[in-house]
């Protein structure tokens, strides 16, 4: 046998094997056996058995035979006002207090303002606030108030008010509040000047 015949025989054999195997696949079919379908209905819940609850009423307790020990009505403490937010022109005279019995306590020291800025940074923060106020005043001085619309006039007035409040807070050494107000005033003034 020549190589050509050998090749032909090999190809023919391979084709026969492929034909037989594919023919068997087409003819063979799996047959399913019928299976029993399970019952999928949900059973009814069992009946609820509730035990009755008997409420127990506590016995009333009589009043104590002793008279009350503290017959004074506590008075609310006077509201504390911060020195940096109090308006001097709105000060009202305090009503005369009832004469208190002499006490062994020492008189209290006057209340001081809480200082949140370190002493080393006071001068630096104060200078920054002054710079912001100067910038806000310069921006506001360049604006013609008469030519502003209603919203712009409101912003102009707010910037002026923030500037004056920041100046007051700076005088009372409330540097955090003064810095906040000066920043607001400078921002509003810069926005108005940019229009």
Protein backbone atom coordinates (compact mmCIF):
# COMPACT_ATOMS: atom_id res chain seq x y z
CA UNK A 1 0.00 0.00 0.00
CA UNK A 2 1.21 3.33 -0.94
CA UNK A 3 1.13 6.32 1.27
CA UNK A 4 -1.64 7.77 -0.79
CA UNK A 5 -3.80 4.71 -0.33
CA UNK A 6 -2.87 4.59 3.31
CA UNK A 7 -3.96 8.20 3.76
CA UNK A 8 -7.21 7.55 1.91
CA UNK A 9 -7.96 4.54 4.06
CA UNK A 10 -7.22 6.53 7.25
CA UNK A 11 -9.49 9.40 6.19
CA UNK A 12 -12.25 6.99 5.20
CA UNK A 13 -11.95 5.16 8.51
CA UNK A 14 -12.10 8.39 10.42
CA UNK A 15 -15.19 9.49 8.51
CA UNK A 16 -16.89 6.19 9.26
CA UNK A 17 -16.13 6.53 12.97
CA UNK A 18 -17.46 10.12 13.03
CA UNK A 19 -20.59 9.13 11.07
CA UNK A 20 -21.37 6.23 13.38
CA UNK A 21 -20.83 8.27 16.53
CA UNK A 22 -22.96 11.19 15.35
CA UNK A 23 -25.70 8.91 14.08
CA UNK A 24 -25.90 7.31 17.48
CA UNK A 25 -26.27 10.72 19.11
CA UNK A 26 -29.14 11.70 16.87
CA UNK A 27 -31.05 8.50 17.39
CA UNK A 28 -30.55 8.02 21.10
CA UNK A 29 -32.92 9.98 23.23
CA UNK A 30 -33.09 9.95 26.96
CA UNK A 31 -36.43 8.90 28.24
CA UNK A 32 -37.57 10.52 31.40
CA UNK A 33 -39.38 8.41 33.87
CA UNK A 34 -42.34 10.12 35.40
CA UNK A 35 -41.60 11.21 38.93
CA UNK A 36 -44.01 11.83 41.76
CA UNK A 37 -44.59 15.57 42.28
CA UNK A 38 -44.37 16.44 45.97
CA UNK A 39 -47.28 18.16 47.65
CA UNK A 40 -46.24 21.82 47.97
CA UNK A 41 -49.25 23.16 49.82
CA UNK A 42 -48.51 24.93 53.07
CA UNK A 43 -50.11 23.32 56.10
CA UNK A 44 -52.37 25.41 58.29
CA UNK A 45 -50.73 26.84 61.43
CA UNK A 46 -51.52 25.17 64.72
CA UNK A 47 -54.15 26.84 66.87
CA UNK A 48 -52.88 29.49 69.28
CA UNK A 49 -53.29 28.84 72.91
CA UNK A 50 -53.19 32.05 74.90
CA UNK A 51 -53.04 31.91 78.66
CA UNK A 52 -55.09 34.66 80.31
CA UNK A 53 -53.04 37.22 82.24
CA UNK A 54 -54.33 38.27 85.61
CA UNK A 55 -53.41 41.86 86.39
CA UNK A 56 -52.12 42.43 89.87
CA UNK A 57 -53.09 45.77 91.33
CA UNK A 58 -50.54 47.16 93.79
CA UNK A 59 -51.82 48.10 97.21
CA UNK A 60 -52.08 51.89 97.80
CA UNK A 61 -49.36 53.32 100.00
CA UNK A 62 -50.35 55.86 102.60
CA UNK A 63 -48.63 59.22 103.09
CA UNK A 64 -45.68 59.47 105.41
CA UNK A 65 -46.44 60.57 108.94
CA UNK A 66 -43.44 62.93 109.01
CA UNK A 67 -43.72 66.54 107.84
CA UNK A 68 -41.70 67.45 104.76
CA UNK A 69 -38.08 68.32 105.51
CA UNK A 70 -37.46 70.95 102.81
CA UNK A 71 -40.27 73.50 102.56
CA UNK A 72 -38.33 76.03 100.49
CA UNK A 73 -39.16 76.27 96.82
CA UNK A 74 -35.95 76.29 94.78
CA UNK A 75 -35.55 79.43 92.74
CA UNK A 76 -34.15 79.23 89.23
CA UNK A 77 -30.66 80.55 88.82
CA UNK A 78 -30.29 83.92 87.14
CA UNK A 79 -29.41 83.57 83.45
CA UNK A 80 -25.72 84.04 82.76
CA UNK A 81 -24.95 86.60 80.07
CA UNK A 82 -21.69 86.66 78.23
CA UNK A 83 -19.77 89.89 78.47
CA UNK A 84 -18.92 89.86 74.76
CA UNK A 85 -22.53 89.65 73.55
CA UNK A 86 -24.30 91.85 76.10
CA UNK A 87 -25.38 95.26 74.83
CA UNK A 88 -24.51 98.06 77.26
CA UNK A 89 -27.51 100.21 76.29
CA UNK A 90 -29.93 97.35 76.92
CA UNK A 91 -28.90 96.87 80.57
CA UNK A 92 -31.90 96.72 82.87
CA UNK A 93 -31.79 97.42 86.58
CA UNK A 94 -32.02 94.24 88.59
CA UNK A 95 -34.88 93.95 91.08
CA UNK A 96 -33.96 94.18 94.71
CA UNK A 97 -33.13 90.79 96.10
CA UNK A 98 -34.58 89.49 99.34
CA UNK A 99 -32.17 89.98 102.21
CA UNK A 100 -30.29 86.73 102.51
CA UNK A 101 -29.13 85.37 105.81
CA UNK A 102 -25.42 85.78 106.38
CA UNK A 103 -23.48 82.88 104.98
CA UNK A 104 -20.10 81.49 105.70
CA UNK A 105 -19.20 81.40 101.98
CA UNK A 106 -16.72 83.87 100.60
CA UNK A 107 -18.11 86.32 98.02
CA UNK A 108 -17.73 85.14 94.45
CA UNK A 109 -15.24 86.74 92.12
CA UNK A 110 -16.71 88.59 89.12
CA UNK A 111 -17.18 86.45 86.06
CA UNK A 112 -14.48 86.77 83.42
CA UNK A 113 -14.64 86.23 79.69
CA UNK A 114 -13.40 82.86 78.49
CA UNK A 115 -10.31 83.39 76.38
CA UNK A 116 -9.99 80.86 73.56
CA UNK A 117 -7.08 82.46 71.73
CA UNK A 118 -3.63 81.83 73.25
CA UNK A 119 -1.93 84.95 74.59
CA UNK A 120 0.98 84.50 72.18
CA UNK A 121 -1.36 84.67 69.17
CA UNK A 122 -3.56 87.56 70.35
CA UNK A 123 -1.58 90.26 68.56
CA UNK A 124 -1.43 88.24 65.33
CA UNK A 125 -5.18 87.51 65.33
CA UNK A 126 -5.98 91.11 66.23
CA UNK A 127 -3.83 92.35 63.32
CA UNK A 128 -5.54 89.96 60.89
CA UNK A 129 -8.96 91.16 62.04
CA UNK A 130 -7.89 94.79 61.57
CA UNK A 131 -6.62 93.97 58.06
CA UNK A 132 -9.92 92.32 57.14
CA UNK A 133 -11.90 95.27 58.50
CA UNK A 134 -9.72 97.74 56.56
CA UNK A 135 -10.20 95.74 53.35
CA UNK A 136 -13.98 95.54 53.91
CA UNK A 137 -14.20 99.29 54.57
CA UNK A 138 -12.16 100.06 51.43
CA UNK A 139 -14.37 97.80 49.29
CA UNK A 140 -17.56 99.32 50.72
CA UNK A 141 -16.31 102.88 50.16
CA UNK A 142 -15.94 102.18 46.40
CA UNK A 143 -19.62 101.16 46.09
CA UNK A 144 -22.35 103.68 45.15
CA UNK A 145 -25.15 102.73 47.55
CA UNK A 146 -27.83 104.58 45.55
CA UNK A 147 -27.21 102.47 42.42
CA UNK A 148 -27.63 99.10 44.20
CA UNK A 149 -30.77 96.99 43.91
CA UNK A 150 -32.68 95.86 47.02
CA UNK A 151 -30.71 92.63 47.51
CA UNK A 152 -27.37 94.38 47.08
CA UNK A 153 -28.42 97.10 49.55
CA UNK A 154 -29.26 94.39 52.09
CA UNK A 155 -25.83 92.81 51.61
CA UNK A 156 -24.17 96.23 51.91
CA UNK A 157 -26.00 96.88 55.19
CA UNK A 158 -25.04 93.42 56.48
CA UNK A 159 -21.39 94.01 55.62
CA UNK A 160 -21.47 97.34 57.50
CA UNK A 161 -23.17 95.66 60.48
CA UNK A 162 -20.63 92.81 60.51
CA UNK A 163 -17.80 95.35 60.44
CA UNK A 164 -19.16 97.27 63.41
CA UNK A 165 -19.86 94.08 65.38
CA UNK A 166 -16.35 92.81 64.64
CA UNK A 167 -14.92 96.12 65.90
CA UNK A 168 -16.96 95.79 69.12
CA UNK A 169 -15.85 92.18 69.60
CA UNK A 170 -12.24 93.23 69.03
CA UNK A 171 -12.55 95.83 71.80
CA UNK A 172 -13.88 93.21 74.23
CA UNK A 173 -11.05 90.80 73.27
CA UNK A 174 -13.43 88.23 71.80
CA UNK A 175 -10.99 87.51 69.01
CA UNK A 176 -12.62 84.36 67.63
CA UNK A 177 -15.96 86.10 67.15
CA UNK A 178 -14.27 89.23 65.82
CA UNK A 179 -12.33 87.16 63.27
CA UNK A 180 -15.52 85.41 62.16
CA UNK A 181 -17.43 88.70 61.73
CA UNK A 182 -14.54 90.45 59.98
CA UNK A 183 -14.25 87.56 57.52
CA UNK A 184 -17.99 87.77 56.77
CA UNK A 185 -17.80 91.54 56.28
CA UNK A 186 -14.78 91.28 53.98
CA UNK A 187 -16.40 88.52 51.91
CA UNK A 188 -19.66 90.45 51.44
CA UNK A 189 -17.82 93.66 50.61
CA UNK A 190 -15.61 91.90 48.05
CA UNK A 191 -18.66 90.34 46.39
CA UNK A 192 -20.41 93.71 46.19
CA UNK A 193 -17.31 95.46 44.85
CA UNK A 194 -16.93 92.80 42.14
CA UNK A 195 -20.37 93.50 40.64
